[in-house]
């Protein structure tokens, strides 16, 4: 069994993301669906299509289906 340190994983995702949105995605024991963690500022931009005006020191957690709905909406806004 391996425990995920979400904060450390998010910090690594931020370092590795370059110009992309850093996301941590994982599944628990091969269960259906993914868990997603990202910075709130990135979530706000994905959800609204507008950059967040200030840094928020919280994280957003959602499952994979919720993430895909938000991402599809973001892609529609960017068209």
C-alpha atoms as a PDB file:
ATOM      1  CA  UNK A   1       0.000   0.000   0.000  1.00  0.00           C
ATOM      2  CA  UNK A   2       1.278   3.442  -0.899  1.00  0.00           C
ATOM      3  CA  UNK A   3      -0.020   6.618   0.739  1.00  0.00           C
ATOM      4  CA  UNK A   4      -0.301   9.701  -1.440  1.00  0.00           C
ATOM      5  CA  UNK A   5       0.910  12.969   0.029  1.00  0.00           C
ATOM      6  CA  UNK A   6      -1.369  15.303  -1.903  1.00  0.00           C
ATOM      7  CA  UNK A   7       0.532  18.482  -1.034  1.00  0.00           C
ATOM      8  CA  UNK A   8       3.868  17.044  -2.178  1.00  0.00           C
ATOM      9  CA  UNK A   9       2.255  15.600  -5.296  1.00  0.00           C
ATOM     10  CA  UNK A  10       0.695  18.972  -6.144  1.00  0.00           C
ATOM     11  CA  UNK A  11       4.023  20.732  -5.579  1.00  0.00           C
ATOM     12  CA  UNK A  12       5.657  18.297  -8.023  1.00  0.00           C
ATOM     13  CA  UNK A  13       2.835  18.803 -10.542  1.00  0.00           C
ATOM     14  CA  UNK A  14       3.386  22.567 -10.315  1.00  0.00           C
ATOM     15  CA  UNK A  15       7.120  22.119 -10.962  1.00  0.00           C
ATOM     16  CA  UNK A  16       6.487  19.754 -13.887  1.00  0.00           C
ATOM     17  CA  UNK A  17       3.583  21.598 -15.528  1.00  0.00           C
ATOM     18  CA  UNK A  18       5.540  24.208 -17.508  1.00  0.00           C
ATOM     19  CA  UNK A  19       2.772  26.303 -19.114  1.00  0.00           C
ATOM     20  CA  UNK A  20       0.035  23.720 -18.480  1.00  0.00           C
ATOM     21  CA  UNK A  21      -2.355  23.495 -15.533  1.00  0.00           C
ATOM     22  CA  UNK A  22      -0.872  21.324 -12.768  1.00  0.00           C
ATOM     23  CA  UNK A  23      -3.187  18.475 -11.789  1.00  0.00           C
ATOM     24  CA  UNK A  24      -2.768  15.449  -9.526  1.00  0.00           C
ATOM     25  CA  UNK A  25      -4.935  12.484 -10.535  1.00  0.00           C
ATOM     26  CA  UNK A  26      -5.136   9.121  -8.760  1.00  0.00           C
ATOM     27  CA  UNK A  27      -7.363   6.103  -8.254  1.00  0.00           C
ATOM     28  CA  UNK A  28      -7.830   4.135  -5.060  1.00  0.00           C
ATOM     29  CA  UNK A  29      -7.185   0.395  -5.392  1.00  0.00           C
ATOM     30  CA  UNK A  30      -8.196   0.289  -9.056  1.00  0.00           C
ATOM     31  CA  UNK A  31     -11.669   1.650  -8.313  1.00  0.00           C
ATOM     32  CA  UNK A  32     -13.622   3.102 -11.204  1.00  0.00           C
ATOM     33  CA  UNK A  33     -13.090   6.818 -11.575  1.00  0.00           C
ATOM     34  CA  UNK A  34     -10.231   9.158 -10.856  1.00  0.00           C
ATOM     35  CA  UNK A  35      -9.700  11.696  -8.084  1.00  0.00           C
ATOM     36  CA  UNK A  36      -8.393  15.103  -9.144  1.00  0.00           C
ATOM     37  CA  UNK A  37      -6.656  17.841  -7.125  1.00  0.00           C
ATOM     38  CA  UNK A  38      -5.655  21.246  -8.486  1.00  0.00           C
ATOM     39  CA  UNK A  39      -5.032  24.783  -7.276  1.00  0.00           C
ATOM     40  CA  UNK A  40      -8.142  26.896  -6.803  1.00  0.00           C
ATOM     41  CA  UNK A  41      -6.840  29.641  -9.101  1.00  0.00           C
ATOM     42  CA  UNK A  42      -6.537  27.107 -11.919  1.00  0.00           C
ATOM     43  CA  UNK A  43      -9.992  25.705 -11.196  1.00  0.00           C
ATOM     44  CA  UNK A  44     -11.518  29.196 -11.293  1.00  0.00           C
ATOM     45  CA  UNK A  45      -9.965  29.832 -14.709  1.00  0.00           C
ATOM     46  CA  UNK A  46     -11.074  26.432 -16.010  1.00  0.00           C
ATOM     47  CA  UNK A  47     -14.599  26.925 -14.709  1.00  0.00           C
ATOM     48  CA  UNK A  48     -15.093  30.555 -15.760  1.00  0.00           C
ATOM     49  CA  UNK A  49     -12.605  31.013 -18.589  1.00  0.00           C
ATOM     50  CA  UNK A  50     -11.266  34.107 -16.795  1.00  0.00           C
ATOM     51  CA  UNK A  51      -7.961  34.167 -14.889  1.00  0.00           C
ATOM     52  CA  UNK A  52      -8.374  34.361 -11.121  1.00  0.00           C
ATOM     53  CA  UNK A  53      -7.443  37.848  -9.914  1.00  0.00           C
ATOM     54  CA  UNK A  54      -5.789  36.750  -6.681  1.00  0.00           C
ATOM     55  CA  UNK A  55      -3.956  33.772  -5.266  1.00  0.00           C
ATOM     56  CA  UNK A  56      -6.154  31.549  -3.145  1.00  0.00           C
ATOM     57  CA  UNK A  57      -4.392  29.175  -0.801  1.00  0.00           C
ATOM     58  CA  UNK A  58      -6.804  26.284  -1.065  1.00  0.00           C
ATOM     59  CA  UNK A  59      -7.139  23.201  -3.239  1.00  0.00           C
ATOM     60  CA  UNK A  60     -10.097  21.818  -5.172  1.00  0.00           C
ATOM     61  CA  UNK A  61     -10.856  18.109  -5.111  1.00  0.00           C
ATOM     62  CA  UNK A  62     -13.234  16.398  -7.521  1.00  0.00           C
ATOM     63  CA  UNK A  63     -13.699  13.029  -9.136  1.00  0.00           C
ATOM     64  CA  UNK A  64     -12.709  12.312 -12.717  1.00  0.00           C
ATOM     65  CA  UNK A  65     -16.216  12.713 -14.148  1.00  0.00           C
ATOM     66  CA  UNK A  66     -16.584  16.136 -12.530  1.00  0.00           C
ATOM     67  CA  UNK A  67     -13.146  17.110 -13.848  1.00  0.00           C
ATOM     68  CA  UNK A  68     -14.074  16.145 -17.413  1.00  0.00           C
ATOM     69  CA  UNK A  69     -17.258  18.235 -17.270  1.00  0.00           C
ATOM     70  CA  UNK A  70     -15.322  21.291 -16.091  1.00  0.00           C
ATOM     71  CA  UNK A  71     -12.611  20.735 -18.707  1.00  0.00           C
ATOM     72  CA  UNK A  72     -15.147  20.348 -21.537  1.00  0.00           C
ATOM     73  CA  UNK A  73     -16.787  23.596 -20.440  1.00  0.00           C
ATOM     74  CA  UNK A  74     -13.387  25.315 -20.422  1.00  0.00           C
ATOM     75  CA  UNK A  75     -12.680  24.138 -23.961  1.00  0.00           C
ATOM     76  CA  UNK A  76     -16.023  25.522 -25.116  1.00  0.00           C
ATOM     77  CA  UNK A  77     -15.292  28.898 -23.502  1.00  0.00           C
ATOM     78  CA  UNK A  78     -11.867  29.073 -25.192  1.00  0.00           C
ATOM     79  CA  UNK A  79     -13.349  28.579 -28.708  1.00  0.00           C
END
